[in-house]
Amino acid sequence: MSRIIFFVLIVAVIYFAWRSMRLKQIQLEKRLDKQEKANLAEHKNDMPGEKMVSCANCGLYVPISEAVYSNGKYYCCRQHAMKGPKAH
């Protein structure tokens, strides 16, 4: 009978030790996830972007590097630059 109690105690100690280590691991993972999310939030605004401009004819927004500049206005393509700004 004493051997059975001894083995039950050994199993219980092993179980609680494993459970304790697992809880610590979960807490560490949660902390790391929070740190990663904080780092992503910090660097989100650091991502390189490009200024967008509106076509004076159709209103479509295009990156400034792809826009056609004519007579002080930006256009989405050469055809719209030739037509000129749309009269509203």
N, C-alpha and C. Protein backbone atom coordinates (compact mmCIF):
# COMPACT_ATOMS: atom_id res chain seq x y z
N MET A 1 0.82 -1.19 0.00
CA MET A 1 0.00 0.00 0.00
C MET A 1 0.87 1.26 0.00
N SER A 2 1.96 1.22 0.76
CA SER A 2 2.84 2.39 0.83
C SER A 2 3.52 2.66 -0.51
N ARG A 3 3.77 1.60 -1.27
CA ARG A 3 4.38 1.78 -2.59
C ARG A 3 3.41 2.49 -3.55
N ILE A 4 2.16 2.16 -3.47
CA ILE A 4 1.16 2.79 -4.34
C ILE A 4 1.09 4.28 -4.02
N ILE A 5 1.05 4.62 -2.74
CA ILE A 5 1.02 6.02 -2.32
C ILE A 5 2.28 6.74 -2.79
N PHE A 6 3.42 6.07 -2.67
CA PHE A 6 4.70 6.65 -3.10
C PHE A 6 4.66 6.96 -4.61
N PHE A 7 4.20 6.01 -5.43
CA PHE A 7 4.13 6.22 -6.87
C PHE A 7 3.12 7.31 -7.25
N VAL A 8 2.01 7.36 -6.53
CA VAL A 8 1.02 8.41 -6.79
C VAL A 8 1.64 9.77 -6.48
N LEU A 9 2.39 9.87 -5.39
CA LEU A 9 3.06 11.12 -5.04
C LEU A 9 4.09 11.51 -6.09
N ILE A 10 4.85 10.54 -6.58
CA ILE A 10 5.85 10.81 -7.62
C ILE A 10 5.16 11.33 -8.88
N VAL A 11 4.08 10.68 -9.29
CA VAL A 11 3.34 11.11 -10.48
C VAL A 11 2.79 12.51 -10.27
N ALA A 12 2.26 12.80 -9.08
CA ALA A 12 1.72 14.13 -8.79
C ALA A 12 2.81 15.19 -8.84
N VAL A 13 3.98 14.91 -8.29
CA VAL A 13 5.09 15.87 -8.32
C VAL A 13 5.52 16.12 -9.77
N ILE A 14 5.63 15.07 -10.55
CA ILE A 14 6.02 15.24 -11.96
C ILE A 14 4.97 16.05 -12.70
N TYR A 15 3.69 15.77 -12.47
CA TYR A 15 2.61 16.50 -13.13
C TYR A 15 2.65 17.98 -12.77
N PHE A 16 2.77 18.30 -11.49
CA PHE A 16 2.76 19.70 -11.08
C PHE A 16 4.02 20.43 -11.54
N ALA A 17 5.15 19.75 -11.60
CA ALA A 17 6.37 20.37 -12.13
C ALA A 17 6.19 20.67 -13.62
N TRP A 18 5.64 19.72 -14.37
CA TRP A 18 5.39 19.93 -15.80
C TRP A 18 4.41 21.07 -16.01
N ARG A 19 3.35 21.09 -15.21
CA ARG A 19 2.33 22.14 -15.33
C ARG A 19 2.92 23.51 -15.03
N SER A 20 3.76 23.59 -14.01
CA SER A 20 4.40 24.86 -13.66
C SER A 20 5.29 25.35 -14.79
N MET A 21 6.08 24.46 -15.37
CA MET A 21 6.95 24.85 -16.48
C MET A 21 6.13 25.28 -17.69
N ARG A 22 5.03 24.59 -17.94
CA ARG A 22 4.18 24.94 -19.08
C ARG A 22 3.54 26.32 -18.89
N LEU A 23 3.08 26.63 -17.69
CA LEU A 23 2.50 27.95 -17.41
C LEU A 23 3.53 29.06 -17.60
N LYS A 24 4.76 28.81 -17.15
CA LYS A 24 5.82 29.80 -17.35
C LYS A 24 6.10 30.01 -18.83
N GLN A 25 6.08 28.92 -19.59
CA GLN A 25 6.32 29.02 -21.03
C GLN A 25 5.21 29.82 -21.71
N ILE A 26 3.97 29.60 -21.32
CA ILE A 26 2.84 30.33 -21.89
C ILE A 26 2.95 31.82 -21.57
N GLN A 27 3.32 32.14 -20.32
CA GLN A 27 3.47 33.54 -19.93
C GLN A 27 4.59 34.20 -20.73
N LEU A 28 5.68 33.49 -20.94
CA LEU A 28 6.79 34.03 -21.72
C LEU A 28 6.35 34.28 -23.17
N GLU A 29 5.60 33.35 -23.74
CA GLU A 29 5.11 33.52 -25.11
C GLU A 29 4.18 34.73 -25.21
N LYS A 30 3.33 34.93 -24.21
CA LYS A 30 2.42 36.09 -24.22
C LYS A 30 3.22 37.38 -24.14
N ARG A 31 4.25 37.41 -23.29
CA ARG A 31 5.09 38.61 -23.18
C ARG A 31 5.78 38.90 -24.50
N LEU A 32 6.31 37.86 -25.14
CA LEU A 32 6.98 38.05 -26.43
C LEU A 32 6.00 38.52 -27.49
N ASP A 33 4.77 37.99 -27.48
CA ASP A 33 3.76 38.44 -28.44
C ASP A 33 3.45 39.91 -28.24
N LYS A 34 3.33 40.34 -26.98
CA LYS A 34 3.05 41.75 -26.70
C LYS A 34 4.20 42.63 -27.18
N GLN A 35 5.44 42.17 -26.97
CA GLN A 35 6.59 42.94 -27.41
C GLN A 35 6.62 43.03 -28.94
N GLU A 36 6.32 41.92 -29.61
CA GLU A 36 6.31 41.93 -31.08
C GLU A 36 5.24 42.88 -31.60
N LYS A 37 4.06 42.86 -30.98
CA LYS A 37 2.99 43.76 -31.41
C LYS A 37 3.39 45.21 -31.18
N ALA A 38 4.05 45.48 -30.05
CA ALA A 38 4.50 46.84 -29.76
C ALA A 38 5.54 47.28 -30.79
N ASN A 39 6.46 46.38 -31.13
CA ASN A 39 7.48 46.71 -32.14
C ASN A 39 6.85 46.97 -33.50
N LEU A 40 5.85 46.17 -33.86
CA LEU A 40 5.18 46.39 -35.14
C LEU A 40 4.46 47.73 -35.15
N ALA A 41 3.83 48.07 -34.03
CA ALA A 41 3.12 49.35 -33.95
C ALA A 41 4.10 50.52 -34.05
N GLU A 42 5.27 50.37 -33.44
CA GLU A 42 6.28 51.44 -33.50
C GLU A 42 6.79 51.63 -34.92
N HIS A 43 7.03 50.53 -35.61
CA HIS A 43 7.66 50.61 -36.93
C HIS A 43 6.64 50.72 -38.06
N LYS A 44 5.36 50.68 -37.73
CA LYS A 44 4.35 50.77 -38.78
C LYS A 44 4.45 52.09 -39.52
N ASN A 45 4.69 53.16 -38.79
CA ASN A 45 4.80 54.48 -39.43
C ASN A 45 6.15 54.70 -40.09
N ASP A 46 7.11 53.81 -39.82
CA ASP A 46 8.44 53.94 -40.41
C ASP A 46 8.51 53.34 -41.81
N MET A 47 7.45 52.65 -42.23
CA MET A 47 7.48 52.02 -43.54
C MET A 47 7.53 53.09 -44.62
N PRO A 48 8.39 52.88 -45.59
CA PRO A 48 8.50 53.89 -46.64
C PRO A 48 7.21 53.96 -47.44
N GLY A 49 6.81 55.15 -47.75
CA GLY A 49 5.60 55.34 -48.53
C GLY A 49 5.87 56.38 -49.60
N GLU A 50 4.89 56.60 -50.40
CA GLU A 50 5.04 57.57 -51.47
C GLU A 50 3.82 58.47 -51.47
N LYS A 51 4.03 59.72 -51.77
CA LYS A 51 2.94 60.68 -51.80
C LYS A 51 2.00 60.33 -52.95
N MET A 52 0.70 60.39 -52.67
CA MET A 52 -0.31 60.14 -53.69
C MET A 52 -0.90 61.48 -54.13
N VAL A 53 -1.14 61.61 -55.42
CA VAL A 53 -1.74 62.83 -55.96
C VAL A 53 -3.00 62.46 -56.74
N SER A 54 -3.92 63.39 -56.81
CA SER A 54 -5.18 63.17 -57.49
C SER A 54 -5.10 63.69 -58.93
N CYS A 55 -5.63 62.91 -59.85
CA CYS A 55 -5.69 63.33 -61.25
C CYS A 55 -6.66 64.51 -61.35
N ALA A 56 -6.22 65.58 -62.02
CA ALA A 56 -7.06 66.77 -62.16
C ALA A 56 -8.24 66.52 -63.09
N ASN A 57 -8.19 65.44 -63.87
CA ASN A 57 -9.27 65.15 -64.80
C ASN A 57 -10.30 64.19 -64.21
N CYS A 58 -9.84 63.04 -63.72
CA CYS A 58 -10.79 62.02 -63.26
C CYS A 58 -10.81 61.84 -61.75
N GLY A 59 -9.83 62.39 -61.03
CA GLY A 59 -9.81 62.28 -59.58
C GLY A 59 -9.14 61.04 -59.04
N LEU A 60 -8.63 60.18 -59.90
CA LEU A 60 -7.95 58.97 -59.47
C LEU A 60 -6.66 59.32 -58.75
N TYR A 61 -6.39 58.64 -57.63
CA TYR A 61 -5.14 58.87 -56.90
C TYR A 61 -4.07 57.93 -57.44
N VAL A 62 -2.92 58.49 -57.76
CA VAL A 62 -1.78 57.71 -58.26
C VAL A 62 -0.53 58.15 -57.51
N PRO A 63 0.47 57.26 -57.40
CA PRO A 63 1.73 57.67 -56.77
C PRO A 63 2.35 58.81 -57.57
N ILE A 64 2.99 59.72 -56.88
CA ILE A 64 3.56 60.90 -57.54
C ILE A 64 4.61 60.50 -58.57
N SER A 65 5.29 59.37 -58.35
CA SER A 65 6.31 58.94 -59.32
C SER A 65 5.68 58.47 -60.63
N GLU A 66 4.42 58.06 -60.62
CA GLU A 66 3.75 57.59 -61.84
C GLU A 66 2.87 58.67 -62.46
N ALA A 67 2.65 59.76 -61.76
CA ALA A 67 1.76 60.81 -62.24
C ALA A 67 2.42 61.62 -63.36
N VAL A 68 1.59 62.18 -64.22
CA VAL A 68 2.05 63.06 -65.29
C VAL A 68 1.78 64.48 -64.83
N TYR A 69 2.84 65.33 -64.81
CA TYR A 69 2.71 66.71 -64.35
C TYR A 69 2.66 67.63 -65.57
N SER A 70 1.58 68.41 -65.65
CA SER A 70 1.43 69.30 -66.79
C SER A 70 0.67 70.55 -66.35
N ASN A 71 1.20 71.72 -66.72
CA ASN A 71 0.57 73.01 -66.40
C ASN A 71 0.21 73.16 -64.93
N GLY A 72 1.10 72.69 -64.06
CA GLY A 72 0.90 72.86 -62.62
C GLY A 72 -0.08 71.88 -62.00
N LYS A 73 -0.51 70.87 -62.74
CA LYS A 73 -1.46 69.89 -62.21
C LYS A 73 -0.95 68.48 -62.49
N TYR A 74 -1.43 67.54 -61.67
CA TYR A 74 -1.05 66.13 -61.84
C TYR A 74 -2.18 65.38 -62.53
N TYR A 75 -1.79 64.41 -63.36
CA TYR A 75 -2.75 63.59 -64.08
C TYR A 75 -2.33 62.14 -63.97
N CYS A 76 -3.31 61.24 -64.19
CA CYS A 76 -3.00 59.81 -64.07
C CYS A 76 -2.38 59.24 -65.35
N CYS A 77 -2.58 59.91 -66.49
CA CYS A 77 -2.03 59.43 -67.76
C CYS A 77 -1.86 60.60 -68.73
N ARG A 78 -1.16 60.34 -69.83
CA ARG A 78 -0.92 61.40 -70.82
C ARG A 78 -2.22 61.87 -71.49
N GLN A 79 -3.15 60.95 -71.70
CA GLN A 79 -4.40 61.33 -72.34
C GLN A 79 -5.16 62.36 -71.51
N HIS A 80 -5.19 62.16 -70.19
CA HIS A 80 -5.88 63.12 -69.33
C HIS A 80 -5.12 64.43 -69.24
N ALA A 81 -3.79 64.36 -69.31
CA ALA A 81 -3.00 65.60 -69.30
C ALA A 81 -3.29 66.40 -70.57
N MET A 82 -3.50 65.71 -71.69
CA MET A 82 -3.81 66.41 -72.94
C MET A 82 -5.22 67.02 -72.89
N LYS A 83 -6.16 66.35 -72.23
CA LYS A 83 -7.52 66.87 -72.11
C LYS A 83 -7.58 68.07 -71.16
N GLY A 84 -6.69 68.06 -70.17
CA GLY A 84 -6.69 69.14 -69.19
C GLY A 84 -7.62 68.84 -68.02
N PRO A 85 -7.69 69.79 -67.09
CA PRO A 85 -8.53 69.55 -65.91
C PRO A 85 -10.01 69.52 -66.27
N LYS A 86 -10.73 68.71 -65.55
CA LYS A 86 -12.17 68.58 -65.78
C LYS A 86 -12.89 69.78 -65.19
N ALA A 87 -13.81 70.35 -65.93
CA ALA A 87 -14.59 71.49 -65.42
C ALA A 87 -15.68 70.94 -64.52
N HIS A 88 -15.72 71.42 -63.30
CA HIS A 88 -16.72 70.91 -62.34
C HIS A 88 -17.94 71.73 -62.38
